[in-house]
């Protein structure tokens, strides 16, 4: 079931941010999406700005999470096979517990170069990051590095522990899990 989450990340991030209560340990405080998919006069395409804020419970304490995705003109542009040019995104992740800042980090697709190969990286953008769940290891986020406006993506699991230490791993794609029978 966890693997199915990654299948829906890409489409969910592009369309609408959904507010839902997963269980008693997680509650959504505020979700805002500013609908501004644009193509400027130079033909550059940008994804919409999105902001998600929520509170989750991890090891009996409440943590506030803020995820802000913005297109960033300072990043390398990505050209699709169709010739469309896309502005890549920067994602700011901030986690606090009370008045203590656990993590305040800005991510680009290159932040995930240890789990995404260089050839895929050249043609992809950092599409999104969403809260997934909490485990004994930490707060888990699902991250998507993808070819713009396609279903081709690399699902990544990012774990942040109570001290703000991060680890990441590449998740398996659905196609890698369910091979057709011959």
Protein backbone atom coordinates (compact mmCIF):
# COMPACT_ATOMS: atom_id res chain seq x y z
CA UNK A 1 0.00 0.00 0.00
CA UNK A 2 2.89 2.34 0.76
CA UNK A 3 4.13 1.96 -2.81
CA UNK A 4 0.76 3.11 -4.16
CA UNK A 5 1.24 6.42 -2.36
CA UNK A 6 4.10 7.28 -4.69
CA UNK A 7 1.98 6.61 -7.75
CA UNK A 8 -0.42 9.33 -6.70
CA UNK A 9 2.10 11.93 -5.47
CA UNK A 10 2.74 13.46 -8.86
CA UNK A 11 -0.92 13.85 -9.83
CA UNK A 12 -1.91 15.00 -6.35
CA UNK A 13 0.71 17.72 -6.20
CA UNK A 14 -0.22 19.11 -9.60
CA UNK A 15 -3.96 19.24 -9.09
CA UNK A 16 -5.11 20.02 -5.57
CA UNK A 17 -3.61 19.77 -2.10
CA UNK A 18 -5.97 17.65 -0.06
CA UNK A 19 -6.63 18.05 3.63
CA UNK A 20 -7.21 14.78 5.42
CA UNK A 21 -6.86 13.32 8.87
CA UNK A 22 -4.90 10.05 8.60
CA UNK A 23 -5.23 8.99 12.23
CA UNK A 24 -5.43 10.43 15.73
CA UNK A 25 -1.70 11.24 15.79
CA UNK A 26 -1.83 13.52 12.75
CA UNK A 27 -3.99 16.56 12.19
CA UNK A 28 -3.95 19.02 9.35
CA UNK A 29 -3.95 22.64 10.49
CA UNK A 30 -3.73 24.55 7.23
CA UNK A 31 -3.21 23.78 3.57
CA UNK A 32 -2.93 26.49 0.94
CA UNK A 33 -2.33 26.16 -2.76
CA UNK A 34 -1.90 29.24 -4.89
CA UNK A 35 -3.12 28.25 -8.34
CA UNK A 36 -0.68 29.84 -10.74
CA UNK A 37 0.58 27.41 -13.38
CA UNK A 38 2.02 29.82 -15.88
CA UNK A 39 3.87 30.10 -19.12
CA UNK A 40 5.55 33.50 -19.41
CA UNK A 41 6.12 35.58 -22.56
CA UNK A 42 9.48 33.81 -23.09
CA UNK A 43 7.70 30.42 -23.09
CA UNK A 44 9.10 29.32 -19.70
CA UNK A 45 6.75 27.07 -17.75
CA UNK A 46 6.46 27.17 -13.98
CA UNK A 47 4.57 24.93 -11.60
CA UNK A 48 2.19 26.52 -9.15
CA UNK A 49 3.45 27.74 -5.80
CA UNK A 50 2.18 25.47 -3.04
CA UNK A 51 2.32 25.63 0.74
CA UNK A 52 1.28 22.94 3.17
CA UNK A 53 1.30 23.35 6.94
CA UNK A 54 0.32 20.65 9.37
CA UNK A 55 0.94 19.29 12.85
CA UNK A 56 1.93 15.68 13.49
CA UNK A 57 2.67 13.70 16.63
CA UNK A 58 6.05 11.96 16.82
CA UNK A 59 7.21 10.13 19.96
CA UNK A 60 4.46 11.79 22.00
CA UNK A 61 5.33 15.36 20.98
CA UNK A 62 3.67 17.67 18.46
CA UNK A 63 5.75 18.83 15.50
CA UNK A 64 4.74 21.61 13.14
CA UNK A 65 5.63 21.03 9.50
CA UNK A 66 5.72 23.63 6.74
CA UNK A 67 6.47 22.70 3.12
CA UNK A 68 6.74 25.49 0.56
CA UNK A 69 7.38 24.74 -3.13
CA UNK A 70 8.31 27.64 -5.40
CA UNK A 71 9.65 27.80 -8.95
CA UNK A 72 13.20 29.21 -8.81
CA UNK A 73 14.59 31.15 -11.78
CA UNK A 74 18.14 30.77 -10.42
CA UNK A 75 18.06 26.99 -11.00
CA UNK A 76 19.03 25.30 -14.26
CA UNK A 77 16.17 25.15 -16.74
CA UNK A 78 14.94 21.80 -18.02
CA UNK A 79 14.00 21.25 -21.66
CA UNK A 80 11.57 18.45 -22.49
CA UNK A 81 11.75 16.25 -25.57
CA UNK A 82 8.87 18.35 -26.96
CA UNK A 83 11.01 21.48 -26.65
CA UNK A 84 9.13 23.00 -23.71
CA UNK A 85 11.33 24.76 -21.14
CA UNK A 86 10.56 24.41 -17.43
CA UNK A 87 11.74 26.34 -14.40
CA UNK A 88 12.85 23.93 -11.66
CA UNK A 89 11.49 24.14 -8.11
CA UNK A 90 12.96 24.76 -4.69
CA UNK A 91 11.24 23.25 -1.67
CA UNK A 92 11.66 24.71 1.81
CA UNK A 93 10.98 22.27 4.65
CA UNK A 94 10.67 23.64 8.17
CA UNK A 95 9.96 21.46 11.20
CA UNK A 96 9.53 22.87 14.69
CA UNK A 97 8.67 21.32 18.03
CA UNK A 98 7.39 24.01 20.37
CA UNK A 99 9.86 26.90 20.14
CA UNK A 100 12.67 24.60 18.98
CA UNK A 101 13.59 24.51 15.32
CA UNK A 102 14.28 20.89 14.36
CA UNK A 103 14.99 21.49 10.66
CA UNK A 104 14.92 24.45 8.30
CA UNK A 105 16.29 23.36 4.93
CA UNK A 106 15.89 24.29 1.30
CA UNK A 107 15.96 21.43 -1.23
CA UNK A 108 16.59 21.32 -4.96
CA UNK A 109 16.67 18.21 -7.14
CA UNK A 110 20.45 18.10 -6.59
CA UNK A 111 19.80 17.52 -2.89
CA UNK A 112 18.75 14.02 -3.99
CA UNK A 113 21.67 13.28 -6.34
CA UNK A 114 22.81 10.44 -4.09
CA UNK A 115 19.66 8.46 -5.00
CA UNK A 116 18.85 9.77 -8.52
CA UNK A 117 21.19 9.02 -11.42
CA UNK A 118 22.80 11.89 -13.34
CA UNK A 119 21.06 11.15 -16.66
CA UNK A 120 17.61 11.30 -15.07
CA UNK A 121 18.63 14.39 -13.12
CA UNK A 122 19.44 16.34 -16.32
CA UNK A 123 15.89 16.02 -17.66
CA UNK A 124 13.95 16.27 -14.40
CA UNK A 125 12.62 18.78 -11.90
CA UNK A 126 11.94 18.57 -8.17
CA UNK A 127 8.20 18.16 -8.39
CA UNK A 128 7.05 17.83 -4.83
CA UNK A 129 7.34 16.78 -1.21
CA UNK A 130 4.51 15.66 1.07
CA UNK A 131 4.28 14.36 4.62
CA UNK A 132 3.85 10.56 4.52
CA UNK A 133 3.84 9.22 8.10
CA UNK A 134 5.73 8.94 11.36
CA UNK A 135 7.69 5.85 12.37
CA UNK A 136 10.04 5.07 15.24
CA UNK A 137 12.90 6.32 12.99
CA UNK A 138 11.38 9.73 12.33
CA UNK A 139 9.00 11.87 10.31
CA UNK A 140 8.78 10.49 6.78
CA UNK A 141 8.24 12.59 3.65
CA UNK A 142 7.57 11.35 0.12
CA UNK A 143 9.58 13.27 -2.48
CA UNK A 144 9.19 13.19 -6.26
CA UNK A 145 11.88 14.07 -8.82
CA UNK A 146 10.23 13.82 -12.24
CA UNK A 147 10.28 14.61 -15.92
CA UNK A 148 7.99 17.66 -16.14
CA UNK A 149 4.36 16.99 -17.05
CA UNK A 150 4.87 13.22 -17.33
CA UNK A 151 4.37 10.13 -15.21
CA UNK A 152 8.12 9.41 -15.20
CA UNK A 153 9.46 10.04 -11.71
CA UNK A 154 11.78 8.76 -9.00
CA UNK A 155 10.03 8.28 -5.63
CA UNK A 156 12.23 9.12 -2.66
CA UNK A 157 11.62 8.61 1.05
CA UNK A 158 13.14 11.35 3.26
CA UNK A 159 13.31 10.68 7.01
CA UNK A 160 13.94 13.41 9.59
CA UNK A 161 14.58 12.35 13.19
CA UNK A 162 13.84 14.33 16.38
CA UNK A 163 17.29 15.99 16.21
CA UNK A 164 16.86 17.11 12.59
CA UNK A 165 19.17 14.46 11.12
CA UNK A 166 18.10 13.37 7.67
CA UNK A 167 18.37 10.17 5.67
CA UNK A 168 16.96 9.35 2.27
CA UNK A 169 16.41 6.35 0.10
CA UNK A 170 15.02 5.70 -3.32
CA UNK A 171 11.74 3.83 -3.23
CA UNK A 172 10.82 1.16 -5.75
CA UNK A 173 8.55 2.15 -8.61
CA UNK A 174 5.29 0.27 -9.04
CA UNK A 175 6.59 -1.16 -12.33
CA UNK A 176 9.62 -2.57 -10.49
CA UNK A 177 7.41 -4.26 -7.90
CA UNK A 178 4.71 -5.76 -10.12
CA UNK A 179 6.32 -7.35 -13.13
CA UNK A 180 3.79 -8.71 -15.65
CA UNK A 181 3.57 -12.48 -15.77
CA UNK A 182 4.72 -14.09 -18.99
